Amino acid sequence: IKQFLQNDSRIQIIQADEVIEMGDEP
């Protein structure tokens, strides 16, 4: 996220260790 965020005004970043992929069973 930090690679692309230009300005963190009014933006809070919260770590998520996992990602649900498009092919995952919902």
PDB file of all heavy atoms in Angstrom:
ATOM      1  N   ILE A   1       0.832  -1.206   0.000  1.00  0.00           N
ATOM      2  CA  ILE A   1       0.000   0.000   0.000  1.00  0.00           C
ATOM      3  C   ILE A   1       0.865   1.254   0.000  1.00  0.00           C
ATOM      4  O   ILE A   1       0.620   2.203  -0.758  1.00  0.00           O
ATOM      5  CB  ILE A   1      -0.949  -0.007   1.219  1.00  0.00           C
ATOM      6  CG1 ILE A   1      -1.977  -1.125   1.076  1.00  0.00           C
ATOM      7  CG2 ILE A   1      -1.655   1.335   1.366  1.00  0.00           C
ATOM      8  CD1 ILE A   1      -2.863  -1.326   2.291  1.00  0.00           C
ATOM      9  N   LYS A   2       1.911   1.255   0.823  1.00  0.00           N
ATOM     10  CA  LYS A   2       2.761   2.440   0.936  1.00  0.00           C
ATOM     11  C   LYS A   2       3.511   2.750  -0.354  1.00  0.00           C
ATOM     12  O   LYS A   2       3.901   3.906  -0.581  1.00  0.00           O
ATOM     13  CB  LYS A   2       3.747   2.249   2.085  1.00  0.00           C
ATOM     14  CG  LYS A   2       3.103   2.373   3.474  1.00  0.00           C
ATOM     15  CD  LYS A   2       4.134   2.257   4.583  1.00  0.00           C
ATOM     16  CE  LYS A   2       3.508   2.490   5.945  1.00  0.00           C
ATOM     17  NZ  LYS A   2       4.493   2.363   7.054  1.00  0.00           N
ATOM     18  N   GLN A   3       3.703   1.757  -1.211  1.00  0.00           N
ATOM     19  CA  GLN A   3       4.376   1.999  -2.490  1.00  0.00           C
ATOM     20  C   GLN A   3       3.586   2.955  -3.377  1.00  0.00           C
ATOM     21  O   GLN A   3       4.162   3.686  -4.189  1.00  0.00           O
ATOM     22  CB  GLN A   3       4.561   0.673  -3.243  1.00  0.00           C
ATOM     23  CG  GLN A   3       5.603  -0.253  -2.645  1.00  0.00           C
ATOM     24  CD  GLN A   3       5.729  -1.532  -3.454  1.00  0.00           C
ATOM     25  OE1 GLN A   3       5.382  -1.577  -4.631  1.00  0.00           O
ATOM     26  NE2 GLN A   3       6.208  -2.596  -2.823  1.00  0.00           N
ATOM     27  N   PHE A   4       2.264   2.932  -3.227  1.00  0.00           N
ATOM     28  CA  PHE A   4       1.413   3.700  -4.140  1.00  0.00           C
ATOM     29  C   PHE A   4       0.716   4.884  -3.476  1.00  0.00           C
ATOM     30  O   PHE A   4       0.186   5.754  -4.166  1.00  0.00           O
ATOM     31  CB  PHE A   4       0.352   2.777  -4.754  1.00  0.00           C
ATOM     32  CG  PHE A   4       0.916   1.605  -5.486  1.00  0.00           C
ATOM     33  CD1 PHE A   4       0.856   0.329  -4.944  1.00  0.00           C
ATOM     34  CD2 PHE A   4       1.530   1.772  -6.718  1.00  0.00           C
ATOM     35  CE1 PHE A   4       1.380  -0.761  -5.624  1.00  0.00           C
ATOM     36  CE2 PHE A   4       2.067   0.696  -7.403  1.00  0.00           C
ATOM     37  CZ  PHE A   4       1.997  -0.574  -6.851  1.00  0.00           C
ATOM     38  N   LEU A   5       0.705   4.945  -2.156  1.00  0.00           N
ATOM     39  CA  LEU A   5       0.028   6.030  -1.448  1.00  0.00           C
ATOM     40  C   LEU A   5       0.867   7.302  -1.492  1.00  0.00           C
ATOM     41  O   LEU A   5       1.993   7.326  -1.026  1.00  0.00           O
ATOM     42  CB  LEU A   5      -0.244   5.613  -0.001  1.00  0.00           C
ATOM     43  CG  LEU A   5      -1.108   6.564   0.836  1.00  0.00           C
ATOM     44  CD1 LEU A   5      -2.511   6.677   0.253  1.00  0.00           C
ATOM     45  CD2 LEU A   5      -1.172   6.069   2.285  1.00  0.00           C
ATOM     46  N   GLN A   6       0.298   8.365  -2.064  1.00  0.00           N
ATOM     47  CA  GLN A   6       1.015   9.623  -2.205  1.00  0.00           C
ATOM     48  C   GLN A   6       0.880  10.506  -0.968  1.00  0.00           C
ATOM     49  O   GLN A   6       1.796  11.236  -0.606  1.00  0.00           O
ATOM     50  CB  GLN A   6       0.481  10.384  -3.431  1.00  0.00           C
ATOM     51  CG  GLN A   6       0.599   9.626  -4.735  1.00  0.00           C
ATOM     52  CD  GLN A   6       2.035   9.363  -5.129  1.00  0.00           C
ATOM     53  OE1 GLN A   6       2.876  10.267  -5.087  1.00  0.00           O
ATOM     54  NE2 GLN A   6       2.324   8.123  -5.517  1.00  0.00           N
ATOM     55  N   ASN A   7      -0.278  10.436  -0.323  1.00  0.00           N
ATOM     56  CA  ASN A   7      -0.580  11.337   0.790  1.00  0.00           C
ATOM     57  C   ASN A   7      -1.508  10.599   1.747  1.00  0.00           C
ATOM     58  O   ASN A   7      -2.589  10.162   1.349  1.00  0.00           O
ATOM     59  CB  ASN A   7      -1.241  12.606   0.231  1.00  0.00           C
ATOM     60  CG  ASN A   7      -1.648  13.585   1.317  1.00  0.00           C
ATOM     61  OD1 ASN A   7      -1.516  13.302   2.506  1.00  0.00           O
ATOM     62  ND2 ASN A   7      -2.172  14.734   0.908  1.00  0.00           N
ATOM     63  N   ASP A   8      -1.113  10.459   3.007  1.00  0.00           N
ATOM     64  CA  ASP A   8      -1.918   9.685   3.946  1.00  0.00           C
ATOM     65  C   ASP A   8      -2.902  10.531   4.749  1.00  0.00           C
ATOM     66  O   ASP A   8      -3.447  10.067   5.751  1.00  0.00           O
ATOM     67  CB  ASP A   8      -1.019   8.885   4.888  1.00  0.00           C
ATOM     68  CG  ASP A   8      -0.175   9.784   5.802  1.00  0.00           C
ATOM     69  OD1 ASP A   8      -0.293  11.031   5.711  1.00  0.00           O
ATOM     70  OD2 ASP A   8       0.598   9.225   6.612  1.00  0.00           O
ATOM     71  N   SER A   9      -3.174  11.745   4.295  1.00  0.00           N
ATOM     72  CA  SER A   9      -4.163  12.573   4.973  1.00  0.00           C
ATOM     73  C   SER A   9      -5.523  11.880   4.962  1.00  0.00           C
ATOM     74  O   SER A   9      -6.024  11.466   3.913  1.00  0.00           O
ATOM     75  CB  SER A   9      -4.276  13.933   4.266  1.00  0.00           C
ATOM     76  OG  SER A   9      -5.316  14.697   4.826  1.00  0.00           O
ATOM     77  N   ARG A  10      -6.126  11.731   6.133  1.00  0.00           N
ATOM     78  CA  ARG A  10      -7.411  11.083   6.339  1.00  0.00           C
ATOM     79  C   ARG A  10      -7.420   9.629   5.855  1.00  0.00           C
ATOM     80  O   ARG A  10      -8.478   9.074   5.520  1.00  0.00           O
ATOM     81  CB  ARG A  10      -8.549  11.863   5.666  1.00  0.00           C
ATOM     82  CG  ARG A  10      -8.916  13.113   6.460  1.00  0.00           C
ATOM     83  CD  ARG A  10     -10.147  13.808   5.906  1.00  0.00           C
ATOM     84  NE  ARG A  10      -9.837  14.628   4.749  1.00  0.00           N
ATOM     85  CZ  ARG A  10     -10.365  14.466   3.554  1.00  0.00           C
ATOM     86  NH1 ARG A  10     -11.248  13.519   3.332  1.00  0.00           N
ATOM     87  NH2 ARG A  10     -10.032  15.255   2.562  1.00  0.00           N
ATOM     88  N   ILE A  11      -6.265   9.006   5.788  1.00  0.00           N
ATOM     89  CA  ILE A  11      -6.156   7.603   5.382  1.00  0.00           C
ATOM     90  C   ILE A  11      -5.335   6.840   6.421  1.00  0.00           C
ATOM     91  O   ILE A  11      -4.201   7.214   6.717  1.00  0.00           O
ATOM     92  CB  ILE A  11      -5.496   7.459   3.998  1.00  0.00           C
ATOM     93  CG1 ILE A  11      -6.399   8.066   2.912  1.00  0.00           C
ATOM     94  CG2 ILE A  11      -5.219   5.985   3.686  1.00  0.00           C
ATOM     95  CD1 ILE A  11      -5.793   8.054   1.525  1.00  0.00           C
ATOM     96  N   GLN A  12      -5.916   5.789   6.956  1.00  0.00           N
ATOM     97  CA  GLN A  12      -5.239   4.925   7.928  1.00  0.00           C
ATOM     98  C   GLN A  12      -4.971   3.567   7.280  1.00  0.00           C
ATOM     99  O   GLN A  12      -5.866   2.971   6.678  1.00  0.00           O
ATOM    100  CB  GLN A  12      -6.131   4.745   9.168  1.00  0.00           C
ATOM    101  CG  GLN A  12      -5.540   3.825  10.225  1.00  0.00           C
ATOM    102  CD  GLN A  12      -6.524   3.543  11.356  1.00  0.00           C
ATOM    103  OE1 GLN A  12      -7.693   3.939  11.287  1.00  0.00           O
ATOM    104  NE2 GLN A  12      -6.063   2.867  12.396  1.00  0.00           N
ATOM    105  N   ILE A  13      -3.745   3.098   7.383  1.00  0.00           N
ATOM    106  CA  ILE A  13      -3.381   1.792   6.840  1.00  0.00           C
ATOM    107  C   ILE A  13      -3.415   0.766   7.966  1.00  0.00           C
ATOM    108  O   ILE A  13      -2.814   0.961   9.019  1.00  0.00           O
ATOM    109  CB  ILE A  13      -1.978   1.821   6.206  1.00  0.00           C
ATOM    110  CG1 ILE A  13      -1.908   2.876   5.089  1.00  0.00           C
ATOM    111  CG2 ILE A  13      -1.611   0.451   5.653  1.00  0.00           C
ATOM    112  CD1 ILE A  13      -0.514   3.079   4.537  1.00  0.00           C
ATOM    113  N   ILE A  14      -4.111  -0.349   7.730  1.00  0.00           N
ATOM    114  CA  ILE A  14      -4.214  -1.415   8.726  1.00  0.00           C
ATOM    115  C   ILE A  14      -3.733  -2.721   8.093  1.00  0.00           C
ATOM    116  O   ILE A  14      -4.281  -3.152   7.064  1.00  0.00           O
ATOM    117  CB  ILE A  14      -5.652  -1.558   9.241  1.00  0.00           C
ATOM    118  CG1 ILE A  14      -6.116  -0.227   9.874  1.00  0.00           C
ATOM    119  CG2 ILE A  14      -5.757  -2.696  10.257  1.00  0.00           C
ATOM    120  CD1 ILE A  14      -7.568  -0.197  10.234  1.00  0.00           C
ATOM    121  N   GLN A  15      -2.739  -3.332   8.685  1.00  0.00           N
ATOM    122  CA  GLN A  15      -2.122  -4.535   8.147  1.00  0.00           C
ATOM    123  C   GLN A  15      -3.108  -5.705   8.096  1.00  0.00           C
ATOM    124  O   GLN A  15      -3.802  -6.005   9.071  1.00  0.00           O
ATOM    125  CB  GLN A  15      -0.904  -4.940   8.987  1.00  0.00           C
ATOM    126  CG  GLN A  15      -0.284  -6.277   8.636  1.00  0.00           C
ATOM    127  CD  GLN A  15       0.370  -6.297   7.256  1.00  0.00           C
ATOM    128  OE1 GLN A  15       0.696  -5.251   6.693  1.00  0.00           O
ATOM    129  NE2 GLN A  15       0.567  -7.484   6.722  1.00  0.00           N
ATOM    130  N   ALA A  16      -3.142  -6.360   6.932  1.00  0.00           N
ATOM    131  CA  ALA A  16      -3.888  -7.610   6.754  1.00  0.00           C
ATOM    132  C   ALA A  16      -2.908  -8.618   6.167  1.00  0.00           C
ATOM    133  O   ALA A  16      -2.384  -8.418   5.066  1.00  0.00           O
ATOM    134  CB  ALA A  16      -5.078  -7.406   5.816  1.00  0.00           C
ATOM    135  N   ASP A  17      -2.670  -9.678   6.878  1.00  0.00           N
ATOM    136  CA  ASP A  17      -1.643 -10.644   6.479  1.00  0.00           C
ATOM    137  C   ASP A  17      -2.090 -11.550   5.338  1.00  0.00           C
ATOM    138  O   ASP A  17      -1.258 -12.153   4.660  1.00  0.00           O
ATOM    139  CB  ASP A  17      -1.241 -11.520   7.672  1.00  0.00           C
ATOM    140  CG  ASP A  17      -0.604 -10.699   8.791  1.00  0.00           C
ATOM    141  OD1 ASP A  17       0.042  -9.681   8.476  1.00  0.00           O
ATOM    142  OD2 ASP A  17      -0.757 -11.074   9.965  1.00  0.00           O
ATOM    143  N   GLU A  18      -3.411 -11.652   5.126  1.00  0.00           N
ATOM    144  CA  GLU A  18      -3.929 -12.579   4.111  1.00  0.00           C
ATOM    145  C   GLU A  18      -4.772 -11.843   3.072  1.00  0.00           C
ATOM    146  O   GLU A  18      -5.282 -10.757   3.317  1.00  0.00           O
ATOM    147  CB  GLU A  18      -4.783 -13.659   4.779  1.00  0.00           C
ATOM    148  CG  GLU A  18      -4.019 -14.533   5.779  1.00  0.00           C
ATOM    149  CD  GLU A  18      -4.943 -15.477   6.513  1.00  0.00           C
ATOM    150  OE1 GLU A  18      -5.803 -14.992   7.275  1.00  0.00           O
ATOM    151  OE2 GLU A  18      -4.808 -16.697   6.306  1.00  0.00           O
ATOM    152  N   VAL A  19      -4.911 -12.485   1.917  1.00  0.00           N
ATOM    153  CA  VAL A  19      -5.735 -11.951   0.830  1.00  0.00           C
ATOM    154  C   VAL A  19      -6.663 -13.061   0.344  1.00  0.00           C
ATOM    155  O   VAL A  19      -6.217 -14.184   0.099  1.00  0.00           O
ATOM    156  CB  VAL A  19      -4.876 -11.447  -0.346  1.00  0.00           C
ATOM    157  CG1 VAL A  19      -5.767 -11.004  -1.509  1.00  0.00           C
ATOM    158  CG2 VAL A  19      -3.982 -10.297   0.093  1.00  0.00           C
ATOM    159  N   ILE A  20      -7.935 -12.770   0.224  1.00  0.00           N
ATOM    160  CA  ILE A  20      -8.872 -13.712  -0.396  1.00  0.00           C
ATOM    161  C   ILE A  20      -8.801 -13.510  -1.903  1.00  0.00           C
ATOM    162  O   ILE A  20      -9.136 -12.435  -2.412  1.00  0.00           O
ATOM    163  CB  ILE A  20     -10.301 -13.493   0.119  1.00  0.00           C
ATOM    164  CG1 ILE A  20     -10.368 -13.832   1.620  1.00  0.00           C
ATOM    165  CG2 ILE A  20     -11.297 -14.363  -0.655  1.00  0.00           C
ATOM    166  CD1 ILE A  20     -11.732 -13.629   2.241  1.00  0.00           C
ATOM    167  N   GLU A  21      -8.341 -14.535  -2.608  1.00  0.00           N
ATOM    168  CA  GLU A  21      -8.150 -14.438  -4.051  1.00  0.00           C
ATOM    169  C   GLU A  21      -9.475 -14.622  -4.786  1.00  0.00           C
ATOM    170  O   GLU A  21     -10.451 -15.142  -4.238  1.00  0.00           O
ATOM    171  CB  GLU A  21      -7.140 -15.497  -4.524  1.00  0.00           C
ATOM    172  CG  GLU A  21      -5.807 -15.473  -3.786  1.00  0.00           C
ATOM    173  CD  GLU A  21      -4.968 -14.234  -4.098  1.00  0.00           C
ATOM    174  OE1 GLU A  21      -5.317 -13.504  -5.048  1.00  0.00           O
ATOM    175  OE2 GLU A  21      -3.970 -14.014  -3.393  1.00  0.00           O
ATOM    176  N   MET A  22      -9.490 -14.211  -6.062  1.00  0.00           N
ATOM    177  CA  MET A  22     -10.710 -14.324  -6.867  1.00  0.00           C
ATOM    178  C   MET A  22     -11.170 -15.781  -7.001  1.00  0.00           C
ATOM    179  O   MET A  22     -12.364 -16.049  -7.087  1.00  0.00           O
ATOM    180  CB  MET A  22     -10.481 -13.712  -8.255  1.00  0.00           C
ATOM    181  CG  MET A  22     -10.330 -12.202  -8.249  1.00  0.00           C
ATOM    182  SD  MET A  22     -11.840 -11.377  -7.697  1.00  0.00           S
ATOM    183  CE  MET A  22     -11.489  -9.685  -8.183  1.00  0.00           C
ATOM    184  N   GLY A  23     -10.242 -16.712  -7.009  1.00  0.00           N
ATOM    185  CA  GLY A  23     -10.601 -18.115  -7.198  1.00  0.00           C
ATOM    186  C   GLY A  23     -10.916 -18.866  -5.921  1.00  0.00           C
ATOM    187  O   GLY A  23     -11.280 -20.047  -5.968  1.00  0.00           O
ATOM    188  N   ASP A  24     -10.807 -18.218  -4.776  1.00  0.00           N
ATOM    189  CA  ASP A  24     -11.084 -18.881  -3.495  1.00  0.00           C
ATOM    190  C   ASP A  24     -12.578 -19.166  -3.340  1.00  0.00           C
ATOM    191  O   ASP A  24     -13.423 -18.387  -3.799  1.00  0.00           O
ATOM    192  CB  ASP A  24     -10.622 -18.010  -2.322  1.00  0.00           C
ATOM    193  CG  ASP A  24      -9.111 -18.004  -2.151  1.00  0.00           C
ATOM    194  OD1 ASP A  24      -8.434 -18.832  -2.792  1.00  0.00           O
ATOM    195  OD2 ASP A  24      -8.611 -17.169  -1.375  1.00  0.00           O
ATOM    196  N   GLU A  25     -12.910 -20.275  -2.689  1.00  0.00           N
ATOM    197  CA  GLU A  25     -14.302 -20.574  -2.372  1.00  0.00           C
ATOM    198  C   GLU A  25     -14.756 -19.577  -1.307  1.00  0.00           C
ATOM    199  O   GLU A  25     -14.173 -19.512  -0.228  1.00  0.00           O
ATOM    200  CB  GLU A  25     -14.407 -22.011  -1.853  1.00  0.00           C
ATOM    201  CG  GLU A  25     -15.826 -22.572  -1.878  1.00  0.00           C
ATOM    202  CD  GLU A  25     -16.691 -22.012  -0.755  1.00  0.00           C
ATOM    203  OE1 GLU A  25     -16.206 -21.952   0.397  1.00  0.00           O
ATOM    204  OE2 GLU A  25     -17.842 -21.607  -1.027  1.00  0.00           O
ATOM    205  N   PRO A  26     -15.786 -18.773  -1.596  1.00  0.00           N
ATOM    206  CA  PRO A  26     -16.114 -17.606  -0.769  1.00  0.00           C
ATOM    207  C   PRO A  26     -16.341 -17.879   0.714  1.00  0.00           C
ATOM    208  O   PRO A  26     -15.673 -17.276   1.563  1.00  0.00           O
ATOM    209  CB  PRO A  26     -17.378 -17.054  -1.433  1.00  0.00           C
ATOM    210  CG  PRO A  26     -17.275 -17.481  -2.843  1.00  0.00           C
ATOM    211  CD  PRO A  26     -16.635 -18.834  -2.803  1.00  0.00           C
TER     212      PRO A  26
END
